[in-house]
C-alpha atoms as a PDB file:
ATOM      1  CA  MET A   1     -52.106   3.452  -1.809  1.00  0.00           C
ATOM      2  CA  ASN A   2     -55.453   4.436  -3.637  1.00  0.00           C
ATOM      3  CA  SER A   3     -57.125   2.529  -6.146  1.00  0.00           C
ATOM      4  CA  ARG A   4     -55.469   4.462  -9.041  1.00  0.00           C
ATOM      5  CA  THR A   5     -51.987   3.686  -8.052  1.00  0.00           C
ATOM      6  CA  GLN A   6     -52.880   0.012  -7.249  1.00  0.00           C
ATOM      7  CA  ASP A   7     -53.817  -0.450 -10.983  1.00  0.00           C
ATOM      8  CA  LYS A   8     -50.340   0.638 -12.034  1.00  0.00           C
ATOM      9  CA  VAL A   9     -48.341  -1.645  -9.729  1.00  0.00           C
ATOM     10  CA  PRO A  10     -46.725  -4.340 -11.880  1.00  0.00           C
ATOM     11  CA  HIS A  11     -47.398  -7.876 -10.800  1.00  0.00           C
ATOM     12  CA  ALA A  12     -45.734 -11.056 -11.843  1.00  0.00           C
ATOM     13  CA  ALA A  13     -47.890 -13.179 -13.878  1.00  0.00           C
ATOM     14  CA  PRO A  14     -48.480 -16.697 -12.708  1.00  0.00           C
ATOM     15  CA  ASP A  15     -46.754 -18.006 -15.929  1.00  0.00           C
ATOM     16  CA  HIS A  16     -43.446 -16.421 -14.757  1.00  0.00           C
ATOM     17  CA  ILE A  17     -43.355 -17.735 -11.277  1.00  0.00           C
ATOM     18  CA  ASP A  18     -41.668 -20.881 -12.326  1.00  0.00           C
ATOM     19  CA  GLU A  19     -38.922 -18.866 -14.010  1.00  0.00           C
ATOM     20  CA  LEU A  20     -38.231 -17.015 -10.610  1.00  0.00           C
ATOM     21  CA  ILE A  21     -37.700 -20.118  -8.585  1.00  0.00           C
ATOM     22  CA  PHE A  22     -33.962 -20.953  -8.293  1.00  0.00           C
ATOM     23  CA  THR A  23     -32.709 -24.490  -8.140  1.00  0.00           C
ATOM     24  CA  ALA A  24     -29.410 -25.488  -6.175  1.00  0.00           C
ATOM     25  CA  ILE A  25     -28.346 -27.763  -8.914  1.00  0.00           C
ATOM     26  CA  PRO A  26     -25.294 -26.240 -10.912  1.00  0.00           C
ATOM     27  CA  LYS A  27     -25.552 -25.776 -14.466  1.00  0.00           C
ATOM     28  CA  GLY A  28     -22.606 -26.309 -16.745  1.00  0.00           C
ATOM     29  CA  THR A  29     -19.787 -28.774 -16.887  1.00  0.00           C
ATOM     30  CA  LYS A  30     -17.501 -29.665 -14.170  1.00  0.00           C
ATOM     31  CA  ALA A  31     -14.477 -27.853 -15.811  1.00  0.00           C
ATOM     32  CA  MET A  32     -16.666 -24.677 -16.012  1.00  0.00           C
ATOM     33  CA  LEU A  33     -17.465 -25.152 -12.326  1.00  0.00           C
ATOM     34  CA  ILE A  34     -13.645 -25.462 -11.488  1.00  0.00           C
ATOM     35  CA  TYR A  35     -12.911 -22.309 -13.458  1.00  0.00           C
ATOM     36  CA  GLU A  36     -15.654 -20.341 -11.597  1.00  0.00           C
ATOM     37  CA  ASP A  37     -14.206 -21.633  -8.232  1.00  0.00           C
ATOM     38  CA  LEU A  38     -10.768 -20.483  -9.227  1.00  0.00           C
ATOM     39  CA  ALA A  39     -12.080 -17.099 -10.313  1.00  0.00           C
ATOM     40  CA  ARG A  40     -13.787 -16.716  -6.960  1.00  0.00           C
ATOM     41  CA  GLU A  41     -10.581 -17.612  -5.103  1.00  0.00           C
ATOM     42  CA  ARG A  42      -8.665 -15.180  -7.063  1.00  0.00           C
ATOM     43  CA  ARG A  43     -11.125 -12.449  -6.345  1.00  0.00           C
ATOM     44  CA  ARG A  44     -11.098 -13.282  -2.614  1.00  0.00           C
ATOM     45  CA  GLU A  45      -7.271 -13.310  -2.505  1.00  0.00           C
ATOM     46  CA  ALA A  46      -7.453  -9.774  -4.373  1.00  0.00           C
ATOM     47  CA  GLU A  47      -9.890  -8.621  -1.546  1.00  0.00           C
ATOM     48  CA  ARG A  48      -7.428  -9.775   1.047  1.00  0.00           C
ATOM     49  CA  VAL A  49      -4.447  -8.060  -0.528  1.00  0.00           C
ATOM     50  CA  ALA A  50      -6.472  -4.869  -0.945  1.00  0.00           C
ATOM     51  CA  GLN A  51      -7.547  -4.991   2.940  1.00  0.00           C
ATOM     52  CA  HIS A  52      -4.005  -5.520   3.839  1.00  0.00           C
ATOM     53  CA  ALA A  53      -2.969  -2.549   1.612  1.00  0.00           C
ATOM     54  CA  ARG A  54      -5.577  -0.690   3.223  1.00  0.00           C
ATOM     55  CA  LEU A  55      -4.367  -1.380   6.850  1.00  0.00           C
ATOM     56  CA  VAL A  56      -0.780  -0.546   5.873  1.00  0.00           C
ATOM     57  CA  ARG A  57      -1.843   2.950   4.293  1.00  0.00           C
ATOM     58  CA  GLN A  58      -3.958   3.838   7.459  1.00  0.00           C
ATOM     59  CA  LEU A  59      -1.030   2.796   9.766  1.00  0.00           C
ATOM     60  CA  SER A  60       1.419   5.029   7.870  1.00  0.00           C
ATOM     61  CA  ALA A  61      -1.136   7.832   7.847  1.00  0.00           C
ATOM     62  CA  VAL A  62      -1.386   7.518  11.720  1.00  0.00           C
ATOM     63  CA  ARG A  63       2.317   7.587  12.065  1.00  0.00           C
ATOM     64  CA  ARG A  64       2.617  10.520   9.822  1.00  0.00           C
ATOM     65  CA  TRP A  65      -0.110  12.538  11.768  1.00  0.00           C
ATOM     66  CA  GLU A  66       1.840  11.761  14.904  1.00  0.00           C
ATOM     67  CA  ARG A  67       4.924  13.127  13.619  1.00  0.00           C
ATOM     68  CA  ILE A  68       3.244  16.296  12.421  1.00  0.00           C
ATOM     69  CA  SER A  69       1.448  16.543  15.857  1.00  0.00           C
ATOM     70  CA  ASP A  70       4.735  16.220  17.709  1.00  0.00           C
ATOM     71  CA  TRP A  71       6.479  18.785  15.464  1.00  0.00           C
ATOM     72  CA  ALA A  72       3.497  21.151  16.039  1.00  0.00           C
ATOM     73  CA  SER A  73       3.502  20.778  19.718  1.00  0.00           C
ATOM     74  CA  ARG A  74       7.171  21.430  19.942  1.00  0.00           C
ATOM     75  CA  ARG A  75       6.750  24.583  17.729  1.00  0.00           C
ATOM     76  CA  ALA A  76       3.877  25.765  19.804  1.00  0.00           C
ATOM     77  CA  GLN A  77       6.114  25.190  23.042  1.00  0.00           C
ATOM     78  CA  ARG A  78       9.098  26.928  21.465  1.00  0.00           C
ATOM     79  CA  ALA A  79       6.706  29.949  20.488  1.00  0.00           C
ATOM     80  CA  SER A  80       5.178  30.098  23.948  1.00  0.00           C
ATOM     81  CA  ASP A  81       8.803  30.107  25.489  1.00  0.00           C
ATOM     82  CA  LEU A  82       9.704  33.158  23.444  1.00  0.00           C
ATOM     83  CA  ILE A  83       6.628  35.088  24.574  1.00  0.00           C
END
């Protein structure tokens, strides 16, 4: 960087550094934390269901392409037998 671009780069002011530090102490009531945990668990369950559905679709797609491939090879064999 040259001196012109260095002047344009934004820097955090020392006053805002305290705002950037995160604490591990949860804010809010215990009831709110329980709802957050339940929401997280519902999201995780939805992700598991979606992953399972993707696997089922992939498996059915593989089977479908295998059937198409078998049909195409049988057709090609019949065509070559006629020639």
